[in-house]
C-alpha atoms as a PDB file:
ATOM      1  CA  UNK A   1      53.686 -61.584  95.364  1.00  0.00           C
ATOM      2  CA  UNK A   2      57.295 -60.258  95.869  1.00  0.00           C
ATOM      3  CA  UNK A   3      58.140 -61.134  92.234  1.00  0.00           C
ATOM      4  CA  UNK A   4      55.241 -59.364  91.139  1.00  0.00           C
ATOM      5  CA  UNK A   5      56.588 -56.102  92.835  1.00  0.00           C
ATOM      6  CA  UNK A   6      59.957 -56.706  91.670  1.00  0.00           C
ATOM      7  CA  UNK A   7      58.813 -57.052  88.093  1.00  0.00           C
ATOM      8  CA  UNK A   8      56.369 -53.841  88.483  1.00  0.00           C
ATOM      9  CA  UNK A   9      59.293 -51.568  89.898  1.00  0.00           C
ATOM     10  CA  UNK A  10      61.733 -52.967  86.867  1.00  0.00           C
ATOM     11  CA  UNK A  11      59.249 -51.969  84.338  1.00  0.00           C
ATOM     12  CA  UNK A  12      58.342 -48.689  86.113  1.00  0.00           C
ATOM     13  CA  UNK A  13      62.185 -47.692  85.927  1.00  0.00           C
ATOM     14  CA  UNK A  14      62.499 -48.814  82.393  1.00  0.00           C
ATOM     15  CA  UNK A  15      59.643 -46.513  81.336  1.00  0.00           C
ATOM     16  CA  UNK A  16      61.253 -43.799  83.251  1.00  0.00           C
ATOM     17  CA  UNK A  17      64.535 -44.053  81.799  1.00  0.00           C
ATOM     18  CA  UNK A  18      63.022 -44.417  78.087  1.00  0.00           C
ATOM     19  CA  UNK A  19      60.890 -41.412  78.864  1.00  0.00           C
ATOM     20  CA  UNK A  20      64.007 -39.169  79.654  1.00  0.00           C
ATOM     21  CA  UNK A  21      64.768 -38.068  76.297  1.00  0.00           C
ATOM     22  CA  UNK A  22      61.048 -36.993  75.670  1.00  0.00           C
ATOM     23  CA  UNK A  23      61.137 -34.820  78.786  1.00  0.00           C
ATOM     24  CA  UNK A  24      64.626 -33.240  77.722  1.00  0.00           C
ATOM     25  CA  UNK A  25      66.251 -34.744  80.941  1.00  0.00           C
ATOM     26  CA  UNK A  26      69.808 -35.602  79.951  1.00  0.00           C
ATOM     27  CA  UNK A  27      69.387 -35.017  76.186  1.00  0.00           C
ATOM     28  CA  UNK A  28      72.700 -33.791  75.263  1.00  0.00           C
ATOM     29  CA  UNK A  29      71.614 -32.284  71.879  1.00  0.00           C
ATOM     30  CA  UNK A  30      69.627 -29.795  73.905  1.00  0.00           C
ATOM     31  CA  UNK A  31      73.050 -28.710  75.481  1.00  0.00           C
ATOM     32  CA  UNK A  32      73.893 -25.405  73.659  1.00  0.00           C
ATOM     33  CA  UNK A  33      77.721 -26.499  73.988  1.00  0.00           C
ATOM     34  CA  UNK A  34      76.914 -29.836  72.299  1.00  0.00           C
ATOM     35  CA  UNK A  35      78.388 -30.188  68.750  1.00  0.00           C
ATOM     36  CA  UNK A  36      76.544 -31.980  66.114  1.00  0.00           C
ATOM     37  CA  UNK A  37      77.154 -35.835  65.736  1.00  0.00           C
ATOM     38  CA  UNK A  38      79.026 -36.590  62.607  1.00  0.00           C
ATOM     39  CA  UNK A  39      76.305 -38.517  61.001  1.00  0.00           C
ATOM     40  CA  UNK A  40      73.857 -35.630  61.412  1.00  0.00           C
ATOM     41  CA  UNK A  41      76.249 -33.281  59.456  1.00  0.00           C
ATOM     42  CA  UNK A  42      76.804 -36.000  56.856  1.00  0.00           C
ATOM     43  CA  UNK A  43      73.138 -36.579  56.624  1.00  0.00           C
ATOM     44  CA  UNK A  44      72.067 -32.589  56.413  1.00  0.00           C
ATOM     45  CA  UNK A  45      74.584 -32.747  53.470  1.00  0.00           C
ATOM     46  CA  UNK A  46      73.013 -35.298  51.803  1.00  0.00           C
ATOM     47  CA  UNK A  47      69.612 -33.621  52.105  1.00  0.00           C
ATOM     48  CA  UNK A  48      71.203 -30.759  50.466  1.00  0.00           C
ATOM     49  CA  UNK A  49      71.801 -33.275  47.473  1.00  0.00           C
ATOM     50  CA  UNK A  50      75.830 -33.513  47.921  1.00  0.00           C
ATOM     51  CA  UNK A  51      78.226 -35.748  49.935  1.00  0.00           C
ATOM     52  CA  UNK A  52      81.618 -34.761  51.581  1.00  0.00           C
ATOM     53  CA  UNK A  53      83.705 -35.671  48.449  1.00  0.00           C
ATOM     54  CA  UNK A  54      81.290 -33.808  46.062  1.00  0.00           C
ATOM     55  CA  UNK A  55      81.579 -30.873  48.588  1.00  0.00           C
ATOM     56  CA  UNK A  56      85.243 -30.960  48.829  1.00  0.00           C
ATOM     57  CA  UNK A  57      85.547 -31.171  45.029  1.00  0.00           C
ATOM     58  CA  UNK A  58      83.045 -28.268  44.302  1.00  0.00           C
ATOM     59  CA  UNK A  59      85.207 -26.127  46.645  1.00  0.00           C
ATOM     60  CA  UNK A  60      88.147 -26.479  44.973  1.00  0.00           C
ATOM     61  CA  UNK A  61      89.686 -29.016  47.621  1.00  0.00           C
ATOM     62  CA  UNK A  62      90.875 -32.647  47.466  1.00  0.00           C
ATOM     63  CA  UNK A  63      88.193 -35.511  47.691  1.00  0.00           C
ATOM     64  CA  UNK A  64      88.807 -36.114  51.101  1.00  0.00           C
ATOM     65  CA  UNK A  65      89.808 -32.898  52.775  1.00  0.00           C
ATOM     66  CA  UNK A  66      86.508 -31.903  54.217  1.00  0.00           C
ATOM     67  CA  UNK A  67      86.564 -34.794  56.313  1.00  0.00           C
ATOM     68  CA  UNK A  68      89.334 -33.498  58.407  1.00  0.00           C
ATOM     69  CA  UNK A  69      86.765 -31.330  60.105  1.00  0.00           C
ATOM     70  CA  UNK A  70      85.441 -34.043  62.132  1.00  0.00           C
ATOM     71  CA  UNK A  71      88.913 -34.547  63.595  1.00  0.00           C
ATOM     72  CA  UNK A  72      90.273 -31.206  64.189  1.00  0.00           C
ATOM     73  CA  UNK A  73      89.217 -27.583  64.356  1.00  0.00           C
ATOM     74  CA  UNK A  74      88.926 -26.464  60.581  1.00  0.00           C
ATOM     75  CA  UNK A  75      87.723 -23.119  60.310  1.00  0.00           C
ATOM     76  CA  UNK A  76      87.499 -23.196  56.294  1.00  0.00           C
ATOM     77  CA  UNK A  77      85.776 -26.627  55.994  1.00  0.00           C
ATOM     78  CA  UNK A  78      83.306 -25.652  58.788  1.00  0.00           C
ATOM     79  CA  UNK A  79      82.364 -22.759  56.688  1.00  0.00           C
ATOM     80  CA  UNK A  80      81.842 -24.439  53.258  1.00  0.00           C
ATOM     81  CA  UNK A  81      79.810 -26.952  55.260  1.00  0.00           C
ATOM     82  CA  UNK A  82      77.625 -24.556  57.029  1.00  0.00           C
ATOM     83  CA  UNK A  83      77.269 -22.823  53.671  1.00  0.00           C
ATOM     84  CA  UNK A  84      76.209 -25.851  52.107  1.00  0.00           C
ATOM     85  CA  UNK A  85      73.594 -26.778  54.641  1.00  0.00           C
ATOM     86  CA  UNK A  86      72.264 -23.269  55.414  1.00  0.00           C
ATOM     87  CA  UNK A  87      73.688 -23.411  59.117  1.00  0.00           C
ATOM     88  CA  UNK A  88      76.087 -21.049  60.651  1.00  0.00           C
ATOM     89  CA  UNK A  89      79.025 -23.201  61.721  1.00  0.00           C
ATOM     90  CA  UNK A  90      78.677 -21.826  65.097  1.00  0.00           C
ATOM     91  CA  UNK A  91      75.357 -23.652  65.336  1.00  0.00           C
ATOM     92  CA  UNK A  92      77.104 -27.058  64.048  1.00  0.00           C
ATOM     93  CA  UNK A  93      80.277 -26.585  66.310  1.00  0.00           C
ATOM     94  CA  UNK A  94      79.431 -24.529  69.492  1.00  0.00           C
ATOM     95  CA  UNK A  95      82.459 -25.763  71.318  1.00  0.00           C
ATOM     96  CA  UNK A  96      85.034 -24.445  68.748  1.00  0.00           C
ATOM     97  CA  UNK A  97      83.784 -21.108  68.968  1.00  0.00           C
ATOM     98  CA  UNK A  98      83.209 -20.630  72.678  1.00  0.00           C
ATOM     99  CA  UNK A  99      86.123 -18.354  73.164  1.00  0.00           C
ATOM    100  CA  UNK A 100      84.702 -15.865  70.658  1.00  0.00           C
ATOM    101  CA  UNK A 101      82.685 -13.070  72.194  1.00  0.00           C
END
């Protein structure tokens, strides 16, 4: 009987823990100051029919230049990427624009 109760509590705990992202609790993407994940940015660029290297070359930059945007604040690269995917850079990297009013 005790084992049954313990297993039931464990299953309930796991169910609640898995359900949290669905309810918005502890969901980091809902945080307004959360930057997009690098993979999400790359996926958006690919959905636009490009990749990072092509976007760099099309913008007159060296092939790997735009990749620096993932390591440091780079307003020009942020604008190029934002324009390519049709999203304001302030939406993609809100933490980099917090000081602007």
